[in-house]
C-alpha atoms as a PDB file:
ATOM      1  CA  MET A   1      45.052 183.804 -71.908  1.00  0.00           C
ATOM      2  CA  PRO A   2      44.983 187.138 -70.039  1.00  0.00           C
ATOM      3  CA  PRO A   3      42.850 187.359 -66.913  1.00  0.00           C
ATOM      4  CA  ASP A   4      39.303 188.650 -67.341  1.00  0.00           C
ATOM      5  CA  ALA A   5      37.983 191.853 -65.773  1.00  0.00           C
ATOM      6  CA  ALA A   6      36.353 190.026 -62.847  1.00  0.00           C
ATOM      7  CA  THR A   7      39.612 188.305 -61.959  1.00  0.00           C
ATOM      8  CA  LEU A   8      41.520 191.571 -62.153  1.00  0.00           C
ATOM      9  CA  ARG A   9      38.976 193.192 -59.809  1.00  0.00           C
ATOM     10  CA  GLU A  10      39.325 190.332 -57.338  1.00  0.00           C
ATOM     11  CA  VAL A  11      43.129 190.513 -57.441  1.00  0.00           C
ATOM     12  CA  LYS A  12      42.928 194.269 -56.940  1.00  0.00           C
ATOM     13  CA  GLY A  13      40.641 193.697 -53.955  1.00  0.00           C
ATOM     14  CA  TRP A  14      43.101 191.299 -52.312  1.00  0.00           C
ATOM     15  CA  LEU A  15      45.967 193.696 -52.935  1.00  0.00           C
ATOM     16  CA  ALA A  16      44.003 196.670 -51.619  1.00  0.00           C
ATOM     17  CA  ARG A  17      43.379 194.776 -48.389  1.00  0.00           C
ATOM     18  CA  ALA A  18      47.039 193.805 -48.200  1.00  0.00           C
ATOM     19  CA  ASP A  19      47.971 197.448 -48.684  1.00  0.00           C
ATOM     20  CA  SER A  20      45.538 198.434 -45.933  1.00  0.00           C
ATOM     21  CA  ASP A  21      47.201 195.929 -43.598  1.00  0.00           C
ATOM     22  CA  LEU A  22      50.609 197.411 -44.418  1.00  0.00           C
ATOM     23  CA  ARG A  23      49.316 200.892 -43.687  1.00  0.00           C
ATOM     24  CA  THR A  24      47.707 199.707 -40.440  1.00  0.00           C
ATOM     25  CA  ALA A  25      50.987 198.108 -39.384  1.00  0.00           C
ATOM     26  CA  GLY A  26      52.779 201.383 -40.099  1.00  0.00           C
ATOM     27  CA  VAL A  27      50.300 203.343 -37.981  1.00  0.00           C
ATOM     28  CA  ALA A  28      50.651 200.799 -35.162  1.00  0.00           C
ATOM     29  CA  ARG A  29      54.439 201.141 -35.333  1.00  0.00           C
ATOM     30  CA  ALA A  30      54.265 204.933 -35.273  1.00  0.00           C
ATOM     31  CA  ALA A  31      51.929 204.990 -32.261  1.00  0.00           C
ATOM     32  CA  ASP A  32      53.410 206.174 -28.999  1.00  0.00           C
ATOM     33  CA  PRO A  33      53.994 203.696 -27.571  1.00  0.00           C
ATOM     34  CA  SER A  34      54.136 201.385 -30.592  1.00  0.00           C
ATOM     35  CA  LEU A  35      51.571 198.598 -30.775  1.00  0.00           C
ATOM     36  CA  LEU A  36      54.059 195.915 -31.746  1.00  0.00           C
ATOM     37  CA  ASP A  37      51.614 193.022 -31.518  1.00  0.00           C
ATOM     38  CA  ALA A  38      49.446 194.794 -34.108  1.00  0.00           C
ATOM     39  CA  VAL A  39      52.471 195.488 -36.308  1.00  0.00           C
ATOM     40  CA  VAL A  40      53.369 191.812 -36.654  1.00  0.00           C
ATOM     41  CA  PHE A  41      49.746 190.686 -37.014  1.00  0.00           C
ATOM     42  CA  HIS A  42      49.074 193.110 -39.847  1.00  0.00           C
ATOM     43  CA  ALA A  43      52.435 192.317 -41.456  1.00  0.00           C
ATOM     44  CA  GLN A  44      51.416 188.650 -41.577  1.00  0.00           C
ATOM     45  CA  GLN A  45      48.016 189.564 -42.973  1.00  0.00           C
ATOM     46  CA  ALA A  46      49.543 191.757 -45.688  1.00  0.00           C
ATOM     47  CA  ALA A  47      51.927 189.047 -46.876  1.00  0.00           C
ATOM     48  CA  GLU A  48      49.196 186.400 -46.789  1.00  0.00           C
ATOM     49  CA  LYS A  49      46.753 188.507 -48.802  1.00  0.00           C
ATOM     50  CA  ALA A  50      49.361 189.520 -51.368  1.00  0.00           C
ATOM     51  CA  LEU A  51      50.254 185.873 -51.995  1.00  0.00           C
ATOM     52  CA  LYS A  52      46.574 184.951 -52.232  1.00  0.00           C
ATOM     53  CA  ALA A  53      46.118 187.717 -54.811  1.00  0.00           C
ATOM     54  CA  PHE A  54      48.795 186.025 -56.923  1.00  0.00           C
ATOM     55  CA  LEU A  55      46.933 182.720 -56.691  1.00  0.00           C
ATOM     56  CA  VAL A  56      43.669 184.384 -57.725  1.00  0.00           C
ATOM     57  CA  LEU A  57      45.402 185.981 -60.704  1.00  0.00           C
ATOM     58  CA  HIS A  58      46.450 182.529 -61.869  1.00  0.00           C
ATOM     59  CA  GLY A  59      43.078 180.897 -61.259  1.00  0.00           C
ATOM     60  CA  ARG A  60      44.224 178.822 -58.318  1.00  0.00           C
ATOM     61  CA  THR A  61      41.871 178.072 -55.475  1.00  0.00           C
ATOM     62  CA  PHE A  62      43.015 177.867 -51.874  1.00  0.00           C
ATOM     63  CA  ARG A  63      41.461 176.914 -48.603  1.00  0.00           C
ATOM     64  CA  LYS A  64      40.974 179.326 -45.728  1.00  0.00           C
ATOM     65  CA  THR A  65      44.340 179.315 -44.032  1.00  0.00           C
ATOM     66  CA  HIS A  66      46.841 181.721 -42.550  1.00  0.00           C
ATOM     67  CA  SER A  67      49.748 179.409 -43.389  1.00  0.00           C
ATOM     68  CA  ILE A  68      52.141 181.309 -45.597  1.00  0.00           C
ATOM     69  CA  GLU A  69      54.048 178.057 -46.067  1.00  0.00           C
ATOM     70  CA  GLU A  70      50.972 176.403 -47.585  1.00  0.00           C
ATOM     71  CA  ILE A  71      50.016 179.406 -49.685  1.00  0.00           C
ATOM     72  CA  GLY A  72      53.646 179.821 -50.693  1.00  0.00           C
ATOM     73  CA  GLU A  73      53.875 176.268 -52.021  1.00  0.00           C
ATOM     74  CA  ALA A  74      50.999 177.012 -54.377  1.00  0.00           C
ATOM     75  CA  VAL A  75      52.646 180.286 -55.425  1.00  0.00           C
ATOM     76  CA  LEU A  76      55.940 178.522 -56.135  1.00  0.00           C
ATOM     77  CA  ALA A  77      54.168 175.973 -58.335  1.00  0.00           C
ATOM     78  CA  ILE A  78      53.287 178.947 -60.561  1.00  0.00           C
ATOM     79  CA  ASP A  79      56.463 181.041 -60.282  1.00  0.00           C
ATOM     80  CA  GLY A  80      59.586 179.513 -58.786  1.00  0.00           C
ATOM     81  CA  SER A  81      61.381 182.851 -58.969  1.00  0.00           C
ATOM     82  CA  LEU A  82      59.386 183.870 -55.872  1.00  0.00           C
ATOM     83  CA  ALA A  83      61.207 181.284 -53.736  1.00  0.00           C
ATOM     84  CA  GLY A  84      63.203 183.876 -51.795  1.00  0.00           C
ATOM     85  CA  VAL A  85      60.098 185.962 -51.140  1.00  0.00           C
ATOM     86  CA  VAL A  86      58.112 182.970 -49.915  1.00  0.00           C
ATOM     87  CA  GLU A  87      61.006 181.713 -47.797  1.00  0.00           C
ATOM     88  CA  ASP A  88      61.408 185.109 -46.137  1.00  0.00           C
ATOM     89  CA  ALA A  89      57.658 185.476 -45.539  1.00  0.00           C
ATOM     90  CA  ALA A  90      57.015 181.977 -44.167  1.00  0.00           C
ATOM     91  CA  PRO A  91      58.032 182.825 -40.570  1.00  0.00           C
ATOM     92  CA  LEU A  92      55.340 185.510 -40.495  1.00  0.00           C
ATOM     93  CA  THR A  93      52.715 182.750 -40.260  1.00  0.00           C
ATOM     94  CA  GLU A  94      52.970 182.567 -36.476  1.00  0.00           C
ATOM     95  CA  TYR A  95      51.982 186.216 -36.166  1.00  0.00           C
ATOM     96  CA  ALA A  96      48.441 185.300 -37.239  1.00  0.00           C
ATOM     97  CA  TRP A  97      48.003 183.987 -33.689  1.00  0.00           C
ATOM     98  CA  LYS A  98      51.096 184.755 -31.625  1.00  0.00           C
ATOM     99  CA  PHE A  99      50.705 187.852 -29.429  1.00  0.00           C
ATOM    100  CA  ARG A 100      46.955 187.930 -30.197  1.00  0.00           C
ATOM    101  CA  TYR A 101      45.949 186.243 -26.955  1.00  0.00           C
ATOM    102  CA  PRO A 102      47.038 186.511 -23.329  1.00  0.00           C
ATOM    103  CA  GLY A 103      50.148 184.516 -22.637  1.00  0.00           C
ATOM    104  CA  GLU A 104      53.765 184.615 -21.655  1.00  0.00           C
ATOM    105  CA  GLN A 105      54.812 187.400 -24.008  1.00  0.00           C
ATOM    106  CA  ALA A 106      52.519 190.327 -24.800  1.00  0.00           C
ATOM    107  CA  GLU A 107      54.544 191.858 -27.633  1.00  0.00           C
ATOM    108  CA  PRO A 108      57.461 191.048 -29.905  1.00  0.00           C
ATOM    109  CA  PRO A 109      60.695 193.030 -29.598  1.00  0.00           C
ATOM    110  CA  SER A 110      60.698 196.192 -31.705  1.00  0.00           C
ATOM    111  CA  ASP A 111      63.416 194.929 -34.063  1.00  0.00           C
ATOM    112  CA  GLU A 112      61.371 191.781 -34.731  1.00  0.00           C
ATOM    113  CA  ALA A 113      58.309 193.907 -35.528  1.00  0.00           C
ATOM    114  CA  ASP A 114      60.358 196.113 -37.854  1.00  0.00           C
ATOM    115  CA  GLU A 115      61.699 193.071 -39.688  1.00  0.00           C
ATOM    116  CA  ALA A 116      58.213 191.560 -40.020  1.00  0.00           C
ATOM    117  CA  LEU A 117      56.942 194.778 -41.549  1.00  0.00           C
ATOM    118  CA  ALA A 118      59.912 194.971 -43.945  1.00  0.00           C
ATOM    119  CA  ILE A 119      59.316 191.370 -45.066  1.00  0.00           C
ATOM    120  CA  ALA A 120      55.626 192.046 -45.617  1.00  0.00           C
ATOM    121  CA  ARG A 121      56.445 195.119 -47.680  1.00  0.00           C
ATOM    122  CA  ARG A 122      58.927 193.158 -49.837  1.00  0.00           C
ATOM    123  CA  THR A 123      56.360 190.396 -50.331  1.00  0.00           C
ATOM    124  CA  PHE A 124      53.683 192.885 -51.337  1.00  0.00           C
ATOM    125  CA  ASP A 125      56.022 194.708 -53.713  1.00  0.00           C
ATOM    126  CA  ALA A 126      57.161 191.458 -55.346  1.00  0.00           C
ATOM    127  CA  ILE A 127      53.578 190.429 -56.031  1.00  0.00           C
ATOM    128  CA  VAL A 128      52.429 193.861 -57.210  1.00  0.00           C
ATOM    129  CA  GLY A 129      55.331 193.811 -59.633  1.00  0.00           C
ATOM    130  CA  ARG A 130      53.961 190.609 -61.162  1.00  0.00           C
ATOM    131  CA  VAL A 131      50.352 191.613 -61.706  1.00  0.00           C
ATOM    132  CA  PRO A 132      48.888 193.658 -64.546  1.00  0.00           C
ATOM    133  CA  ALA A 133      48.574 197.388 -63.891  1.00  0.00           C
ATOM    134  CA  ALA A 134      44.782 197.069 -63.923  1.00  0.00           C
ATOM    135  CA  ALA A 135      44.985 194.825 -60.838  1.00  0.00           C
ATOM    136  CA  ARG A 136      47.219 197.086 -58.776  1.00  0.00           C
ATOM    137  CA  PRO A 137      45.735 199.061 -55.900  1.00  0.00           C
END
């Protein structure tokens, strides 16, 4: 049964927020100097929200969590072909908290931030490619 209009709107909302996080990460990367802690945080958020959009599309509930591993398990129960995407995105989980508070390391290296953003973009694109056009941002 195809998703109803309310579900499509909710999926679109999740994906729009994921897209906003991707754009925010891009702006943070382009800043001079780059805000690398913000890049990885928003990359994590984008991947998380894209995966949650996929769960919403398929009527799956989820608890409030930033764990891409946990969210990814639920995604894979629906579509095992996303295994590579979920596996690549799982390490982004730590960016929900790492670098967000004072500590030993203030920012990730620039190549790590670039990779996080690339992974988030691939995750987003993979999910957008699996949702109806009416749910795309």
